Amino acid sequence: MKHIYLIRCVLAIILFISVPSELVASKSPNPPDYQTKYDSALVRFEQASEKIEQIELMIKDGKQLIKEGTRDVKRITKEINSLTKSHNRNLKGYESQLKSKDQEERTEAKTAVRELKTTYKSELKELKTALKESNKNLSNGKQLVTRGKTKLISAKEAKKRAEEKLKIAKNNLKKAK
């Protein structure tokens, strides 16, 4: 009787020990899906490449803005200088009339000088606003280039990391097959 009781106890213990091990074995983690890891690594690599292309376009646009801005600044400063020279030449033409003893001649010269000054001021104001706009484009271009260069460095590092992960995923996929 004792033997039967002992056998039953041993069988019960074996049964209790074997059941949890089967449960643990059934809950073992699934093997990693190397294909999806490879696909996601490939997508990240392509995204990093696209980002680098976008940043390079941003730098190119910035350089184009700088080129146009410097060209416009030079052109506008030349226009301002020529406008000032022509204005001064026109004023010199009226100097003798302003010093004239004839009252009518002086008043005509004063009105002509006033008209010259008002036209000069309005044209100069237009040129200065155009100069401000071209300087703004120039500074925007410089900002785009500097921002693009800093972003390009980090984007290249991200691409390098993505490429390394892609190689690892590719090797794991080959090993799994």
N, C-alpha and C. Protein backbone atom coordinates (compact mmCIF):
# COMPACT_ATOMS: atom_id res chain seq x y z
N MET A 1 0.80 -1.18 0.00
CA MET A 1 0.00 0.00 0.00
C MET A 1 0.85 1.26 0.00
N LYS A 2 1.90 1.17 0.78
CA LYS A 2 2.79 2.32 0.81
C LYS A 2 3.43 2.54 -0.55
N HIS A 3 3.68 1.46 -1.24
CA HIS A 3 4.30 1.58 -2.55
C HIS A 3 3.36 2.25 -3.54
N ILE A 4 2.12 1.91 -3.49
CA ILE A 4 1.15 2.51 -4.40
C ILE A 4 1.00 4.00 -4.07
N TYR A 5 0.97 4.30 -2.80
CA TYR A 5 0.86 5.70 -2.39
C TYR A 5 2.08 6.47 -2.86
N LEU A 6 3.24 5.89 -2.72
CA LEU A 6 4.48 6.53 -3.18
C LEU A 6 4.48 6.71 -4.69
N ILE A 7 4.01 5.74 -5.40
CA ILE A 7 3.98 5.83 -6.87
C ILE A 7 3.02 6.93 -7.29
N ARG A 8 1.88 7.01 -6.60
CA ARG A 8 0.92 8.06 -6.93
C ARG A 8 1.51 9.45 -6.65
N CYS A 9 2.20 9.57 -5.56
CA CYS A 9 2.83 10.86 -5.23
C CYS A 9 3.89 11.23 -6.27
N VAL A 10 4.68 10.28 -6.65
CA VAL A 10 5.72 10.53 -7.65
C VAL A 10 5.09 10.91 -8.99
N LEU A 11 4.02 10.18 -9.35
CA LEU A 11 3.33 10.51 -10.60
C LEU A 11 2.71 11.91 -10.54
N ALA A 12 2.14 12.26 -9.41
CA ALA A 12 1.55 13.60 -9.26
C ALA A 12 2.62 14.68 -9.36
N ILE A 13 3.76 14.43 -8.73
CA ILE A 13 4.86 15.40 -8.78
C ILE A 13 5.37 15.54 -10.21
N ILE A 14 5.54 14.43 -10.88
CA ILE A 14 6.01 14.47 -12.27
C ILE A 14 5.00 15.20 -13.14
N LEU A 15 3.72 14.93 -12.90
CA LEU A 15 2.68 15.59 -13.66
C LEU A 15 2.71 17.10 -13.44
N PHE A 16 2.84 17.53 -12.19
CA PHE A 16 2.88 18.96 -11.90
C PHE A 16 4.15 19.61 -12.44
N ILE A 17 5.23 18.90 -12.43
CA ILE A 17 6.49 19.46 -12.94
C ILE A 17 6.46 19.53 -14.46
N SER A 18 5.88 18.54 -15.11
CA SER A 18 5.89 18.53 -16.57
C SER A 18 4.91 19.52 -17.17
N VAL A 19 3.80 19.80 -16.53
CA VAL A 19 2.80 20.73 -17.07
C VAL A 19 3.36 22.15 -17.18
N PRO A 20 3.97 22.70 -16.13
CA PRO A 20 4.50 24.05 -16.28
C PRO A 20 5.61 24.14 -17.32
N SER A 21 6.41 23.12 -17.47
CA SER A 21 7.46 23.19 -18.47
C SER A 21 6.86 23.20 -19.87
N GLU A 22 5.74 22.51 -20.07
CA GLU A 22 5.07 22.54 -21.37
C GLU A 22 4.47 23.92 -21.62
N LEU A 23 3.93 24.52 -20.58
CA LEU A 23 3.37 25.87 -20.73
C LEU A 23 4.46 26.87 -21.06
N VAL A 24 5.58 26.73 -20.40
CA VAL A 24 6.70 27.63 -20.68
C VAL A 24 7.21 27.42 -22.09
N ALA A 25 7.26 26.17 -22.52
CA ALA A 25 7.74 25.87 -23.86
C ALA A 25 6.79 26.42 -24.91
N SER A 26 5.51 26.41 -24.64
CA SER A 26 4.56 26.93 -25.62
C SER A 26 4.58 28.46 -25.67
N LYS A 27 5.02 29.09 -24.58
CA LYS A 27 5.06 30.55 -24.55
C LYS A 27 6.42 31.10 -24.93
N SER A 28 7.27 30.32 -25.50
CA SER A 28 8.59 30.80 -25.88
C SER A 28 8.45 31.86 -26.97
N PRO A 29 9.33 32.84 -26.98
CA PRO A 29 9.19 33.92 -27.95
C PRO A 29 9.32 33.40 -29.37
N ASN A 30 8.53 34.00 -30.23
CA ASN A 30 8.59 33.62 -31.64
C ASN A 30 9.93 34.05 -32.22
N PRO A 31 10.43 33.30 -33.15
CA PRO A 31 11.69 33.74 -33.76
C PRO A 31 11.46 35.06 -34.47
N PRO A 32 12.44 35.94 -34.44
CA PRO A 32 12.24 37.26 -35.04
C PRO A 32 11.99 37.14 -36.54
N ASP A 33 11.13 38.01 -37.02
CA ASP A 33 10.81 38.03 -38.45
C ASP A 33 11.84 38.89 -39.16
N TYR A 34 12.81 38.24 -39.73
CA TYR A 34 13.93 38.95 -40.34
C TYR A 34 13.52 39.71 -41.60
N GLN A 35 12.51 39.23 -42.29
CA GLN A 35 12.07 39.91 -43.51
C GLN A 35 11.49 41.28 -43.18
N THR A 36 10.64 41.37 -42.16
CA THR A 36 10.07 42.67 -41.81
C THR A 36 11.14 43.61 -41.27
N LYS A 37 12.10 43.05 -40.52
CA LYS A 37 13.20 43.90 -40.04
C LYS A 37 14.01 44.43 -41.21
N TYR A 38 14.24 43.59 -42.19
CA TYR A 38 14.99 44.02 -43.38
C TYR A 38 14.21 45.09 -44.14
N ASP A 39 12.90 44.86 -44.30
CA ASP A 39 12.06 45.83 -45.01
C ASP A 39 12.03 47.18 -44.30
N SER A 40 11.90 47.15 -42.99
CA SER A 40 11.86 48.43 -42.25
C SER A 40 13.22 49.13 -42.30
N ALA A 41 14.31 48.35 -42.27
CA ALA A 41 15.64 48.96 -42.38
C ALA A 41 15.83 49.57 -43.76
N LEU A 42 15.30 48.90 -44.78
CA LEU A 42 15.40 49.42 -46.14
C LEU A 42 14.60 50.72 -46.28
N VAL A 43 13.43 50.77 -45.67
CA VAL A 43 12.60 51.98 -45.71
C VAL A 43 13.32 53.13 -45.02
N ARG A 44 13.91 52.86 -43.86
CA ARG A 44 14.64 53.91 -43.14
C ARG A 44 15.83 54.41 -43.96
N PHE A 45 16.51 53.50 -44.63
CA PHE A 45 17.65 53.90 -45.46
C PHE A 45 17.19 54.78 -46.62
N GLU A 46 16.09 54.42 -47.26
CA GLU A 46 15.56 55.22 -48.37
C GLU A 46 15.10 56.59 -47.87
N GLN A 47 14.47 56.63 -46.70
CA GLN A 47 14.04 57.91 -46.13
C GLN A 47 15.24 58.81 -45.84
N ALA A 48 16.31 58.23 -45.33
CA ALA A 48 17.51 59.01 -45.05
C ALA A 48 18.11 59.54 -46.35
N SER A 49 18.08 58.74 -47.40
CA SER A 49 18.60 59.19 -48.70
C SER A 49 17.76 60.33 -49.25
N GLU A 50 16.44 60.22 -49.14
CA GLU A 50 15.55 61.29 -49.61
C GLU A 50 15.77 62.57 -48.82
N LYS A 51 15.98 62.44 -47.52
CA LYS A 51 16.21 63.62 -46.69
C LYS A 51 17.49 64.32 -47.11
N ILE A 52 18.52 63.55 -47.42
CA ILE A 52 19.78 64.15 -47.87
C ILE A 52 19.56 64.89 -49.19
N GLU A 53 18.78 64.29 -50.10
CA GLU A 53 18.50 64.96 -51.37
C GLU A 53 17.76 66.28 -51.14
N GLN A 54 16.79 66.27 -50.23
CA GLN A 54 16.04 67.49 -49.94
C GLN A 54 16.94 68.57 -49.35
N ILE A 55 17.84 68.16 -48.47
CA ILE A 55 18.75 69.13 -47.86
C ILE A 55 19.71 69.69 -48.90
N GLU A 56 20.17 68.84 -49.82
CA GLU A 56 21.06 69.33 -50.88
C GLU A 56 20.33 70.32 -51.78
N LEU A 57 19.04 70.07 -52.03
CA LEU A 57 18.24 71.03 -52.80
C LEU A 57 18.09 72.35 -52.05
N MET A 58 17.93 72.26 -50.73
CA MET A 58 17.82 73.47 -49.92
C MET A 58 19.11 74.28 -50.00
N ILE A 59 20.25 73.60 -49.95
CA ILE A 59 21.54 74.29 -50.06
C ILE A 59 21.67 74.92 -51.44
N LYS A 60 21.25 74.18 -52.46
CA LYS A 60 21.33 74.70 -53.83
C LYS A 60 20.46 75.95 -53.99
N ASP A 61 19.24 75.91 -53.42
CA ASP A 61 18.36 77.08 -53.47
C ASP A 61 18.97 78.26 -52.73
N GLY A 62 19.60 77.99 -51.59
CA GLY A 62 20.26 79.05 -50.83
C GLY A 62 21.39 79.68 -51.62
N LYS A 63 22.18 78.86 -52.29
CA LYS A 63 23.27 79.40 -53.11
C LYS A 63 22.73 80.23 -54.26
N GLN A 64 21.61 79.79 -54.84
CA GLN A 64 20.99 80.56 -55.93
C GLN A 64 20.48 81.91 -55.41
N LEU A 65 19.88 81.91 -54.21
CA LEU A 65 19.42 83.17 -53.62
C LEU A 65 20.60 84.11 -53.35
N ILE A 66 21.71 83.55 -52.89
CA ILE A 66 22.90 84.37 -52.63
C ILE A 66 23.40 84.98 -53.93
N LYS A 67 23.44 84.17 -54.97
CA LYS A 67 23.93 84.64 -56.27
C LYS A 67 23.04 85.77 -56.80
N GLU A 68 21.73 85.55 -56.76
CA GLU A 68 20.80 86.58 -57.24
C GLU A 68 20.86 87.83 -56.36
N GLY A 69 20.96 87.63 -55.05
CA GLY A 69 21.01 88.76 -54.12
C GLY A 69 22.23 89.63 -54.34
N THR A 70 23.40 89.01 -54.51
CA THR A 70 24.61 89.80 -54.74
C THR A 70 24.53 90.53 -56.07
N ARG A 71 23.98 89.86 -57.08
CA ARG A 71 23.83 90.51 -58.39
C ARG A 71 22.91 91.72 -58.28
N ASP A 72 21.78 91.55 -57.58
CA ASP A 72 20.84 92.66 -57.42
C ASP A 72 21.43 93.79 -56.59
N VAL A 73 22.16 93.46 -55.54
CA VAL A 73 22.77 94.50 -54.70
C VAL A 73 23.74 95.33 -55.53
N LYS A 74 24.57 94.67 -56.33
CA LYS A 74 25.52 95.41 -57.18
C LYS A 74 24.79 96.30 -58.17
N ARG A 75 23.76 95.75 -58.81
CA ARG A 75 23.01 96.52 -59.80
C ARG A 75 22.33 97.73 -59.16
N ILE A 76 21.71 97.52 -58.02
CA ILE A 76 20.98 98.61 -57.36
C ILE A 76 21.93 99.68 -56.85
N THR A 77 23.07 99.29 -56.31
CA THR A 77 24.03 100.30 -55.84
C THR A 77 24.56 101.11 -57.02
N LYS A 78 24.76 100.46 -58.17
CA LYS A 78 25.17 101.22 -59.36
C LYS A 78 24.09 102.20 -59.78
N GLU A 79 22.83 101.76 -59.72
CA GLU A 79 21.72 102.65 -60.07
C GLU A 79 21.63 103.82 -59.10
N ILE A 80 21.83 103.56 -57.82
CA ILE A 80 21.79 104.64 -56.82
C ILE A 80 22.91 105.64 -57.09
N ASN A 81 24.10 105.13 -57.37
CA ASN A 81 25.23 106.03 -57.65
C ASN A 81 24.99 106.85 -58.90
N SER A 82 24.48 106.23 -59.96
CA SER A 82 24.23 106.99 -61.19
C SER A 82 23.11 108.00 -60.99
N LEU A 83 22.08 107.64 -60.21
CA LEU A 83 20.99 108.56 -59.92
C LEU A 83 21.51 109.77 -59.14
N THR A 84 22.36 109.52 -58.16
CA THR A 84 22.92 110.61 -57.36
C THR A 84 23.79 111.52 -58.23
N LYS A 85 24.60 110.93 -59.09
CA LYS A 85 25.46 111.74 -59.97
C LYS A 85 24.63 112.59 -60.92
N SER A 86 23.61 112.00 -61.52
CA SER A 86 22.78 112.77 -62.45
C SER A 86 22.01 113.86 -61.70
N HIS A 87 21.57 113.57 -60.50
CA HIS A 87 20.87 114.58 -59.70
C HIS A 87 21.81 115.76 -59.39
N ASN A 88 23.03 115.43 -58.98
CA ASN A 88 24.00 116.50 -58.68
C ASN A 88 24.33 117.31 -59.93
N ARG A 89 24.45 116.65 -61.09
CA ARG A 89 24.71 117.38 -62.34
C ARG A 89 23.55 118.32 -62.67
N ASN A 90 22.34 117.83 -62.49
CA ASN A 90 21.16 118.66 -62.78
C ASN A 90 21.08 119.85 -61.83
N LEU A 91 21.46 119.64 -60.57
CA LEU A 91 21.44 120.75 -59.61
C LEU A 91 22.48 121.80 -59.97
N LYS A 92 23.65 121.36 -60.44
CA LYS A 92 24.69 122.31 -60.83
C LYS A 92 24.23 123.19 -61.99
N GLY A 93 23.38 122.65 -62.84
CA GLY A 93 22.86 123.44 -63.95
C GLY A 93 21.99 124.60 -63.48
N TYR A 94 21.40 124.47 -62.32
CA TYR A 94 20.53 125.52 -61.80
C TYR A 94 21.24 126.46 -60.82
N GLU A 95 22.50 126.20 -60.50
CA GLU A 95 23.22 127.06 -59.54
C GLU A 95 23.32 128.50 -60.03
N SER A 96 23.65 128.67 -61.29
CA SER A 96 23.79 130.04 -61.81
C SER A 96 22.44 130.75 -61.81
N GLN A 97 21.36 130.03 -62.10
CA GLN A 97 20.04 130.64 -62.10
C GLN A 97 19.58 130.98 -60.68
N LEU A 98 20.00 130.17 -59.69
CA LEU A 98 19.64 130.46 -58.31
C LEU A 98 20.34 131.71 -57.80
N LYS A 99 21.52 132.02 -58.35
CA LYS A 99 22.28 133.20 -57.93
C LYS A 99 21.98 134.42 -58.80
N SER A 100 21.08 134.24 -59.73
CA SER A 100 20.75 135.33 -60.65
C SER A 100 20.06 136.48 -59.90
N LYS A 101 20.21 137.67 -60.47
CA LYS A 101 19.59 138.85 -59.87
C LYS A 101 18.13 138.99 -60.29
N ASP A 102 17.76 138.28 -61.34
CA ASP A 102 16.38 138.34 -61.82
C ASP A 102 15.50 137.45 -60.93
N GLN A 103 14.44 138.05 -60.39
CA GLN A 103 13.55 137.36 -59.45
C GLN A 103 12.83 136.18 -60.10
N GLU A 104 12.33 136.37 -61.32
CA GLU A 104 11.60 135.31 -62.01
C GLU A 104 12.49 134.10 -62.29
N GLU A 105 13.70 134.41 -62.70
CA GLU A 105 14.65 133.34 -63.01
C GLU A 105 14.96 132.52 -61.76
N ARG A 106 15.11 133.19 -60.61
CA ARG A 106 15.39 132.49 -59.36
C ARG A 106 14.21 131.63 -58.92
N THR A 107 12.99 132.15 -59.01
CA THR A 107 11.81 131.37 -58.61
C THR A 107 11.62 130.16 -59.52
N GLU A 108 11.87 130.34 -60.82
CA GLU A 108 11.77 129.20 -61.74
C GLU A 108 12.83 128.14 -61.39
N ALA A 109 14.01 128.61 -61.06
CA ALA A 109 15.09 127.69 -60.69
C ALA A 109 14.75 126.96 -59.38
N LYS A 110 14.18 127.69 -58.41
CA LYS A 110 13.81 127.06 -57.14
C LYS A 110 12.74 125.99 -57.34
N THR A 111 11.72 126.29 -58.14
CA THR A 111 10.68 125.28 -58.39
C THR A 111 11.24 124.07 -59.14
N ALA A 112 12.14 124.34 -60.08
CA ALA A 112 12.76 123.23 -60.82
C ALA A 112 13.62 122.37 -59.89
N VAL A 113 14.35 123.03 -58.97
CA VAL A 113 15.19 122.30 -58.01
C VAL A 113 14.32 121.48 -57.07
N ARG A 114 13.19 122.05 -56.62
CA ARG A 114 12.28 121.31 -55.75
C ARG A 114 11.73 120.06 -56.47
N GLU A 115 11.35 120.24 -57.73
CA GLU A 115 10.85 119.10 -58.50
C GLU A 115 11.93 118.03 -58.65
N LEU A 116 13.15 118.48 -58.92
CA LEU A 116 14.27 117.53 -59.04
C LEU A 116 14.48 116.78 -57.73
N LYS A 117 14.43 117.51 -56.62
CA LYS A 117 14.65 116.87 -55.33
C LYS A 117 13.55 115.88 -55.00
N THR A 118 12.30 116.23 -55.28
CA THR A 118 11.20 115.30 -54.98
C THR A 118 11.29 114.04 -55.85
N THR A 119 11.59 114.22 -57.12
CA THR A 119 11.73 113.04 -57.98
C THR A 119 12.94 112.20 -57.55
N TYR A 120 14.02 112.89 -57.17
CA TYR A 120 15.22 112.19 -56.71
C TYR A 120 14.91 111.39 -55.44
N LYS A 121 14.21 112.02 -54.50
CA LYS A 121 13.88 111.34 -53.24
C LYS A 121 12.97 110.14 -53.48
N SER A 122 11.98 110.30 -54.35
CA SER A 122 11.06 109.18 -54.60
C SER A 122 11.78 108.02 -55.30
N GLU A 123 12.62 108.35 -56.29
CA GLU A 123 13.37 107.30 -56.98
C GLU A 123 14.37 106.63 -56.04
N LEU A 124 15.00 107.44 -55.20
CA LEU A 124 15.97 106.90 -54.24
C LEU A 124 15.27 105.99 -53.23
N LYS A 125 14.07 106.39 -52.82
CA LYS A 125 13.31 105.58 -51.87
C LYS A 125 12.95 104.22 -52.49
N GLU A 126 12.53 104.22 -53.75
CA GLU A 126 12.21 102.97 -54.43
C GLU A 126 13.44 102.07 -54.53
N LEU A 127 14.57 102.69 -54.87
CA LEU A 127 15.80 101.91 -55.00
C LEU A 127 16.25 101.34 -53.65
N LYS A 128 16.07 102.13 -52.60
CA LYS A 128 16.47 101.65 -51.27
C LYS A 128 15.58 100.50 -50.80
N THR A 129 14.29 100.56 -51.11
CA THR A 129 13.42 99.43 -50.74
C THR A 129 13.80 98.18 -51.54
N ALA A 130 14.15 98.38 -52.81
CA ALA A 130 14.61 97.24 -53.61
C ALA A 130 15.92 96.69 -53.05
N LEU A 131 16.78 97.59 -52.58
CA LEU A 131 18.06 97.17 -51.99
C LEU A 131 17.81 96.38 -50.70
N LYS A 132 16.87 96.84 -49.89
CA LYS A 132 16.53 96.10 -48.66
C LYS A 132 16.01 94.71 -49.00
N GLU A 133 15.17 94.63 -50.01
CA GLU A 133 14.61 93.34 -50.42
C GLU A 133 15.70 92.39 -50.91
N SER A 134 16.62 92.91 -51.70
CA SER A 134 17.69 92.03 -52.19
C SER A 134 18.64 91.63 -51.06
N ASN A 135 18.86 92.54 -50.10
CA ASN A 135 19.67 92.17 -48.93
C ASN A 135 18.97 91.10 -48.09
N LYS A 136 17.65 91.20 -48.02
CA LYS A 136 16.87 90.20 -47.30
C LYS A 136 17.00 88.84 -47.99
N ASN A 137 16.89 88.83 -49.33
CA ASN A 137 17.07 87.58 -50.07
C ASN A 137 18.47 87.01 -49.87
N LEU A 138 19.44 87.90 -49.84
CA LEU A 138 20.83 87.48 -49.64
C LEU A 138 21.00 86.83 -48.27
N SER A 139 20.45 87.45 -47.24
CA SER A 139 20.58 86.87 -45.89
C SER A 139 19.78 85.57 -45.77
N ASN A 140 18.61 85.51 -46.42
CA ASN A 140 17.84 84.26 -46.41
C ASN A 140 18.61 83.14 -47.08
N GLY A 141 19.29 83.46 -48.17
CA GLY A 141 20.11 82.46 -48.85
C GLY A 141 21.24 81.97 -47.98
N LYS A 142 21.88 82.89 -47.27
CA LYS A 142 22.98 82.49 -46.37
C LYS A 142 22.46 81.61 -45.25
N GLN A 143 21.28 81.96 -44.72
CA GLN A 143 20.70 81.14 -43.65
C GLN A 143 20.35 79.74 -44.16
N LEU A 144 19.80 79.67 -45.38
CA LEU A 144 19.47 78.36 -45.94
C LEU A 144 20.72 77.50 -46.09
N VAL A 145 21.80 78.12 -46.55
CA VAL A 145 23.03 77.35 -46.76
C VAL A 145 23.59 76.87 -45.43
N THR A 146 23.66 77.75 -44.42
CA THR A 146 24.23 77.32 -43.14
C THR A 146 23.35 76.27 -42.46
N ARG A 147 22.03 76.49 -42.50
CA ARG A 147 21.12 75.51 -41.91
C ARG A 147 21.21 74.18 -42.66
N GLY A 148 21.30 74.26 -43.97
CA GLY A 148 21.40 73.05 -44.78
C GLY A 148 22.67 72.27 -44.50
N LYS A 149 23.77 72.99 -44.32
CA LYS A 149 25.04 72.30 -44.05
C LYS A 149 25.01 71.58 -42.71
N THR A 150 24.41 72.21 -41.70
CA THR A 150 24.34 71.54 -40.39
C THR A 150 23.40 70.34 -40.45
N LYS A 151 22.28 70.50 -41.16
CA LYS A 151 21.34 69.38 -41.28
C LYS A 151 21.94 68.26 -42.12
N LEU A 152 22.77 68.62 -43.09
CA LEU A 152 23.37 67.61 -43.96
C LEU A 152 24.30 66.70 -43.18
N ILE A 153 25.02 67.27 -42.24
CA ILE A 153 25.93 66.46 -41.42
C ILE A 153 25.14 65.42 -40.63
N SER A 154 24.08 65.86 -39.96
CA SER A 154 23.29 64.91 -39.16
C SER A 154 22.55 63.91 -40.05
N ALA A 155 22.12 64.35 -41.23
CA ALA A 155 21.42 63.44 -42.13
C ALA A 155 22.36 62.37 -42.68
N LYS A 156 23.60 62.75 -42.95
CA LYS A 156 24.58 61.76 -43.43
C LYS A 156 24.89 60.74 -42.34
N GLU A 157 24.96 61.21 -41.09
CA GLU A 157 25.18 60.28 -39.98
C GLU A 157 24.00 59.32 -39.84
N ALA A 158 22.80 59.86 -39.98
CA ALA A 158 21.60 59.01 -39.89
C ALA A 158 21.58 58.00 -41.03
N LYS A 159 22.01 58.42 -42.21
CA LYS A 159 22.05 57.50 -43.35
C LYS A 159 23.08 56.40 -43.11
N LYS A 160 24.20 56.79 -42.52
CA LYS A 160 25.24 55.79 -42.24
C LYS A 160 24.72 54.76 -41.23
N ARG A 161 24.03 55.23 -40.18
CA ARG A 161 23.46 54.30 -39.20
C ARG A 161 22.41 53.40 -39.85
N ALA A 162 21.58 53.98 -40.71
CA ALA A 162 20.55 53.19 -41.38
C ALA A 162 21.18 52.16 -42.32
N GLU A 163 22.28 52.54 -42.95
CA GLU A 163 22.97 51.60 -43.83
C GLU A 163 23.56 50.44 -43.04
N GLU A 164 24.13 50.74 -41.88
CA GLU A 164 24.67 49.67 -41.03
C GLU A 164 23.57 48.72 -40.57
N LYS A 165 22.44 49.28 -40.16
CA LYS A 165 21.32 48.44 -39.73
C LYS A 165 20.78 47.62 -40.89
N LEU A 166 20.80 48.19 -42.08
CA LEU A 166 20.35 47.46 -43.26
C LEU A 166 21.27 46.28 -43.55
N LYS A 167 22.57 46.49 -43.42
CA LYS A 167 23.52 45.39 -43.64
C LYS A 167 23.31 44.27 -42.62
N ILE A 168 23.11 44.66 -41.36
CA ILE A 168 22.88 43.66 -40.31
C ILE A 168 21.60 42.88 -40.60
N ALA A 169 20.53 43.60 -40.97
CA ALA A 169 19.26 42.94 -41.26
C ALA A 169 19.39 42.02 -42.47
N LYS A 170 20.16 42.44 -43.46
CA LYS A 170 20.36 41.62 -44.66
C LYS A 170 21.12 40.34 -44.32
N ASN A 171 22.15 40.48 -43.49
CA ASN A 171 22.91 39.30 -43.07
C ASN A 171 22.04 38.34 -42.24
N ASN A 172 21.24 38.89 -41.34
CA ASN A 172 20.34 38.05 -40.54
C ASN A 172 19.32 37.33 -41.42
N LEU A 173 18.84 38.02 -42.44
CA LEU A 173 17.88 37.42 -43.36
C LEU A 173 18.53 36.28 -44.14
N LYS A 174 19.77 36.48 -44.57
CA LYS A 174 20.49 35.42 -45.29
C LYS A 174 20.72 34.21 -44.39
N LYS A 175 21.08 34.47 -43.13
CA LYS A 175 21.31 33.37 -42.19
C LYS A 175 20.04 32.59 -41.92
N ALA A 176 18.91 33.29 -41.87
CA ALA A 176 17.65 32.63 -41.59
C ALA A 176 17.21 31.75 -42.75
N LYS A 177 17.54 32.13 -43.96
CA LYS A 177 17.15 31.34 -45.13
C LYS A 177 18.14 30.24 -45.30
